[in-house]
Amino acid sequence: MKVIKIGATWCRGCKVMGPRWKEIELENPWLKTEFYDFDQNKELVSKYNPTAMPSFIFLDKNDNEILRLTGEIDKIKLIEAIDQNKDK
């Protein structure tokens, strides 16, 4: 499983979620994540067509979308989503 994180420097929710994701990534070193800045990576961001920011797109082993979360999300909810999808 991989999580695509889309955000921007001007996005308040993105600033909240950055440290939260950093904790999760440190606690789960097996988890693959990629961050795309909305303004700096327009081509890659358009591939995922985010409807809100921040956006977190969970992909399976074949890079198919299995879950999409947006906004400020509680760390516990993120961990639950990761645990439920980690073997996909």
N, C-alpha and C. Protein backbone atom coordinates (compact mmCIF):
# COMPACT_ATOMS: atom_id res chain seq x y z
N MET A 1 0.84 -1.18 0.00
CA MET A 1 0.00 0.00 0.00
C MET A 1 0.88 1.24 0.00
N LYS A 2 0.37 2.26 -0.66
CA LYS A 2 1.07 3.55 -0.73
C LYS A 2 0.04 4.65 -0.50
N VAL A 3 0.47 5.75 0.11
CA VAL A 3 -0.41 6.89 0.32
C VAL A 3 0.18 8.10 -0.41
N ILE A 4 -0.61 8.67 -1.29
CA ILE A 4 -0.24 9.91 -1.97
C ILE A 4 -0.82 11.05 -1.14
N LYS A 5 0.03 11.97 -0.73
CA LYS A 5 -0.40 13.11 0.07
C LYS A 5 -0.29 14.35 -0.82
N ILE A 6 -1.39 15.09 -0.93
CA ILE A 6 -1.40 16.30 -1.75
C ILE A 6 -1.74 17.48 -0.85
N GLY A 7 -0.89 18.50 -0.92
CA GLY A 7 -1.09 19.67 -0.07
C GLY A 7 -0.42 20.89 -0.68
N ALA A 8 -0.39 21.97 0.09
CA ALA A 8 0.22 23.21 -0.37
C ALA A 8 0.74 23.99 0.84
N THR A 9 1.72 24.83 0.60
CA THR A 9 2.31 25.61 1.68
C THR A 9 1.31 26.58 2.29
N TRP A 10 0.34 27.04 1.52
CA TRP A 10 -0.65 28.01 2.00
C TRP A 10 -1.86 27.36 2.65
N CYS A 11 -1.92 26.04 2.65
CA CYS A 11 -3.08 25.30 3.17
C CYS A 11 -2.94 25.07 4.68
N ARG A 12 -3.86 25.64 5.42
CA ARG A 12 -3.80 25.53 6.88
C ARG A 12 -3.91 24.06 7.35
N GLY A 13 -4.84 23.31 6.77
CA GLY A 13 -5.01 21.90 7.13
C GLY A 13 -3.77 21.08 6.80
N CYS A 14 -3.08 21.46 5.73
CA CYS A 14 -1.85 20.76 5.35
C CYS A 14 -0.77 20.95 6.41
N LYS A 15 -0.72 22.14 6.97
CA LYS A 15 0.26 22.43 8.03
C LYS A 15 -0.03 21.62 9.28
N VAL A 16 -1.30 21.38 9.55
CA VAL A 16 -1.70 20.57 10.70
C VAL A 16 -1.34 19.10 10.45
N MET A 17 -1.58 18.64 9.22
CA MET A 17 -1.41 17.23 8.91
C MET A 17 0.05 16.83 8.72
N GLY A 18 0.91 17.75 8.36
CA GLY A 18 2.32 17.42 8.13
C GLY A 18 2.97 16.70 9.31
N PRO A 19 2.95 17.30 10.51
CA PRO A 19 3.54 16.63 11.67
C PRO A 19 2.83 15.33 12.04
N ARG A 20 1.54 15.28 11.82
CA ARG A 20 0.77 14.07 12.13
C ARG A 20 1.24 12.91 11.24
N TRP A 21 1.40 13.19 9.95
CA TRP A 21 1.89 12.16 9.05
C TRP A 21 3.33 11.78 9.37
N LYS A 22 4.13 12.75 9.76
CA LYS A 22 5.53 12.44 10.10
C LYS A 22 5.58 11.42 11.24
N GLU A 23 4.74 11.60 12.26
CA GLU A 23 4.66 10.64 13.37
C GLU A 23 4.27 9.26 12.86
N ILE A 24 3.24 9.22 12.04
CA ILE A 24 2.76 7.94 11.52
C ILE A 24 3.84 7.25 10.69
N GLU A 25 4.53 8.00 9.87
CA GLU A 25 5.59 7.42 9.04
C GLU A 25 6.75 6.90 9.89
N LEU A 26 7.08 7.59 10.96
CA LEU A 26 8.15 7.12 11.85
C LEU A 26 7.73 5.84 12.58
N GLU A 27 6.47 5.76 12.94
CA GLU A 27 5.94 4.59 13.65
C GLU A 27 5.69 3.40 12.72
N ASN A 28 5.61 3.65 11.42
CA ASN A 28 5.31 2.61 10.42
C ASN A 28 6.30 2.73 9.26
N PRO A 29 7.56 2.36 9.48
CA PRO A 29 8.57 2.57 8.44
C PRO A 29 8.32 1.79 7.14
N TRP A 30 7.48 0.79 7.18
CA TRP A 30 7.13 0.01 5.99
C TRP A 30 6.19 0.77 5.06
N LEU A 31 5.50 1.79 5.59
CA LEU A 31 4.50 2.52 4.83
C LEU A 31 5.16 3.42 3.78
N LYS A 32 4.72 3.28 2.54
CA LYS A 32 5.22 4.11 1.45
C LYS A 32 4.32 5.33 1.30
N THR A 33 4.92 6.51 1.30
CA THR A 33 4.15 7.74 1.09
C THR A 33 4.90 8.62 0.09
N GLU A 34 4.13 9.41 -0.62
CA GLU A 34 4.68 10.42 -1.52
C GLU A 34 3.89 11.69 -1.32
N PHE A 35 4.60 12.82 -1.26
CA PHE A 35 3.94 14.11 -1.10
C PHE A 35 4.08 14.90 -2.38
N TYR A 36 2.97 15.47 -2.84
CA TYR A 36 2.98 16.35 -4.00
C TYR A 36 2.41 17.70 -3.60
N ASP A 37 3.17 18.74 -3.85
CA ASP A 37 2.72 20.10 -3.58
C ASP A 37 1.79 20.53 -4.72
N PHE A 38 0.62 21.01 -4.34
CA PHE A 38 -0.42 21.40 -5.30
C PHE A 38 0.10 22.41 -6.33
N ASP A 39 0.93 23.34 -5.90
CA ASP A 39 1.42 24.39 -6.79
C ASP A 39 2.69 24.00 -7.54
N GLN A 40 3.50 23.13 -6.97
CA GLN A 40 4.79 22.78 -7.56
C GLN A 40 4.74 21.53 -8.45
N ASN A 41 3.76 20.68 -8.25
CA ASN A 41 3.68 19.41 -8.99
C ASN A 41 2.34 19.28 -9.73
N LYS A 42 1.99 20.30 -10.49
CA LYS A 42 0.67 20.36 -11.15
C LYS A 42 0.36 19.10 -11.98
N GLU A 43 1.34 18.61 -12.73
CA GLU A 43 1.09 17.46 -13.60
C GLU A 43 0.76 16.21 -12.78
N LEU A 44 1.55 15.94 -11.74
CA LEU A 44 1.30 14.77 -10.90
C LEU A 44 0.00 14.93 -10.11
N VAL A 45 -0.24 16.13 -9.61
CA VAL A 45 -1.46 16.38 -8.85
C VAL A 45 -2.70 16.17 -9.73
N SER A 46 -2.65 16.63 -10.97
CA SER A 46 -3.81 16.50 -11.85
C SER A 46 -4.16 15.04 -12.10
N LYS A 47 -3.19 14.16 -12.03
CA LYS A 47 -3.44 12.72 -12.20
C LYS A 47 -4.41 12.20 -11.15
N TYR A 48 -4.34 12.78 -9.93
CA TYR A 48 -5.17 12.30 -8.82
C TYR A 48 -6.43 13.15 -8.61
N ASN A 49 -6.52 14.29 -9.29
CA ASN A 49 -7.71 15.13 -9.27
C ASN A 49 -8.28 15.36 -7.85
N PRO A 50 -7.50 15.99 -6.98
CA PRO A 50 -8.00 16.23 -5.62
C PRO A 50 -9.17 17.21 -5.62
N THR A 51 -10.14 16.94 -4.77
CA THR A 51 -11.31 17.81 -4.66
C THR A 51 -11.22 18.73 -3.44
N ALA A 52 -10.27 18.48 -2.57
CA ALA A 52 -10.06 19.29 -1.36
C ALA A 52 -8.62 19.10 -0.93
N MET A 53 -8.19 19.98 -0.04
CA MET A 53 -6.84 19.85 0.49
C MET A 53 -6.85 19.97 1.99
N PRO A 54 -5.99 19.21 2.60
CA PRO A 54 -5.13 18.20 2.00
C PRO A 54 -5.93 16.98 1.57
N SER A 55 -5.36 16.22 0.63
CA SER A 55 -5.95 14.97 0.17
C SER A 55 -4.97 13.84 0.42
N PHE A 56 -5.51 12.70 0.81
CA PHE A 56 -4.70 11.50 1.07
C PHE A 56 -5.33 10.36 0.29
N ILE A 57 -4.58 9.88 -0.69
CA ILE A 57 -5.10 8.86 -1.60
C ILE A 57 -4.35 7.56 -1.33
N PHE A 58 -5.09 6.57 -0.89
CA PHE A 58 -4.52 5.27 -0.56
C PHE A 58 -4.56 4.41 -1.82
N LEU A 59 -3.41 3.84 -2.18
CA LEU A 59 -3.30 3.01 -3.38
C LEU A 59 -2.93 1.59 -2.99
N ASP A 60 -3.46 0.62 -3.73
CA ASP A 60 -3.10 -0.77 -3.47
C ASP A 60 -1.76 -1.09 -4.14
N LYS A 61 -1.38 -2.35 -4.11
CA LYS A 61 -0.09 -2.78 -4.67
C LYS A 61 0.02 -2.53 -6.16
N ASN A 62 -1.13 -2.40 -6.84
CA ASN A 62 -1.16 -2.15 -8.28
C ASN A 62 -1.40 -0.68 -8.61
N ASP A 63 -1.27 0.17 -7.62
CA ASP A 63 -1.49 1.62 -7.75
C ASP A 63 -2.92 1.99 -8.11
N ASN A 64 -3.87 1.16 -7.71
CA ASN A 64 -5.29 1.48 -7.86
C ASN A 64 -5.78 2.13 -6.57
N GLU A 65 -6.58 3.17 -6.71
CA GLU A 65 -7.11 3.87 -5.55
C GLU A 65 -8.08 2.97 -4.76
N ILE A 66 -7.85 2.89 -3.45
CA ILE A 66 -8.73 2.09 -2.60
C ILE A 66 -9.44 2.95 -1.55
N LEU A 67 -8.92 4.14 -1.30
CA LEU A 67 -9.51 5.02 -0.30
C LEU A 67 -9.01 6.43 -0.53
N ARG A 68 -9.89 7.40 -0.26
CA ARG A 68 -9.50 8.82 -0.35
C ARG A 68 -10.05 9.53 0.87
N LEU A 69 -9.16 10.24 1.56
CA LEU A 69 -9.54 11.04 2.72
C LEU A 69 -9.09 12.47 2.46
N THR A 70 -9.86 13.44 2.97
CA THR A 70 -9.49 14.84 2.80
C THR A 70 -9.65 15.58 4.10
N GLY A 71 -8.92 16.69 4.20
CA GLY A 71 -9.03 17.56 5.36
C GLY A 71 -8.16 17.13 6.52
N GLU A 72 -8.44 17.72 7.66
CA GLU A 72 -7.70 17.40 8.89
C GLU A 72 -8.30 16.13 9.49
N ILE A 73 -7.51 15.09 9.55
CA ILE A 73 -7.98 13.79 10.00
C ILE A 73 -7.24 13.40 11.27
N ASP A 74 -7.98 12.91 12.22
CA ASP A 74 -7.42 12.46 13.49
C ASP A 74 -6.41 11.34 13.25
N LYS A 75 -5.32 11.34 13.99
CA LYS A 75 -4.27 10.33 13.84
C LYS A 75 -4.84 8.92 14.01
N ILE A 76 -5.73 8.73 14.95
CA ILE A 76 -6.31 7.40 15.19
C ILE A 76 -7.07 6.93 13.95
N LYS A 77 -7.81 7.81 13.32
CA LYS A 77 -8.56 7.44 12.12
C LYS A 77 -7.61 7.09 10.98
N LEU A 78 -6.52 7.82 10.85
CA LEU A 78 -5.53 7.51 9.82
C LEU A 78 -4.91 6.14 10.05
N ILE A 79 -4.55 5.86 11.29
CA ILE A 79 -3.94 4.57 11.61
C ILE A 79 -4.93 3.44 11.34
N GLU A 80 -6.20 3.64 11.67
CA GLU A 80 -7.22 2.63 11.38
C GLU A 80 -7.31 2.39 9.87
N ALA A 81 -7.30 3.45 9.08
CA ALA A 81 -7.38 3.31 7.63
C ALA A 81 -6.15 2.57 7.09
N ILE A 82 -5.00 2.88 7.64
CA ILE A 82 -3.77 2.19 7.22
C ILE A 82 -3.84 0.72 7.57
N ASP A 83 -4.23 0.43 8.81
CA ASP A 83 -4.32 -0.98 9.24
C ASP A 83 -5.32 -1.78 8.42
N GLN A 84 -6.44 -1.16 8.08
CA GLN A 84 -7.49 -1.86 7.31
C GLN A 84 -7.07 -2.13 5.87
N ASN A 85 -6.14 -1.35 5.36
CA ASN A 85 -5.78 -1.46 3.94
C ASN A 85 -4.34 -1.89 3.68
N LYS A 86 -3.57 -2.13 4.72
CA LYS A 86 -2.12 -2.35 4.52
C LYS A 86 -1.78 -3.58 3.69
N ASP A 87 -2.65 -4.58 3.64
CA ASP A 87 -2.34 -5.79 2.86
C ASP A 87 -2.91 -5.77 1.45
N LYS A 88 -3.46 -4.64 1.07
CA LYS A 88 -4.05 -4.54 -0.28
C LYS A 88 -3.02 -4.10 -1.28
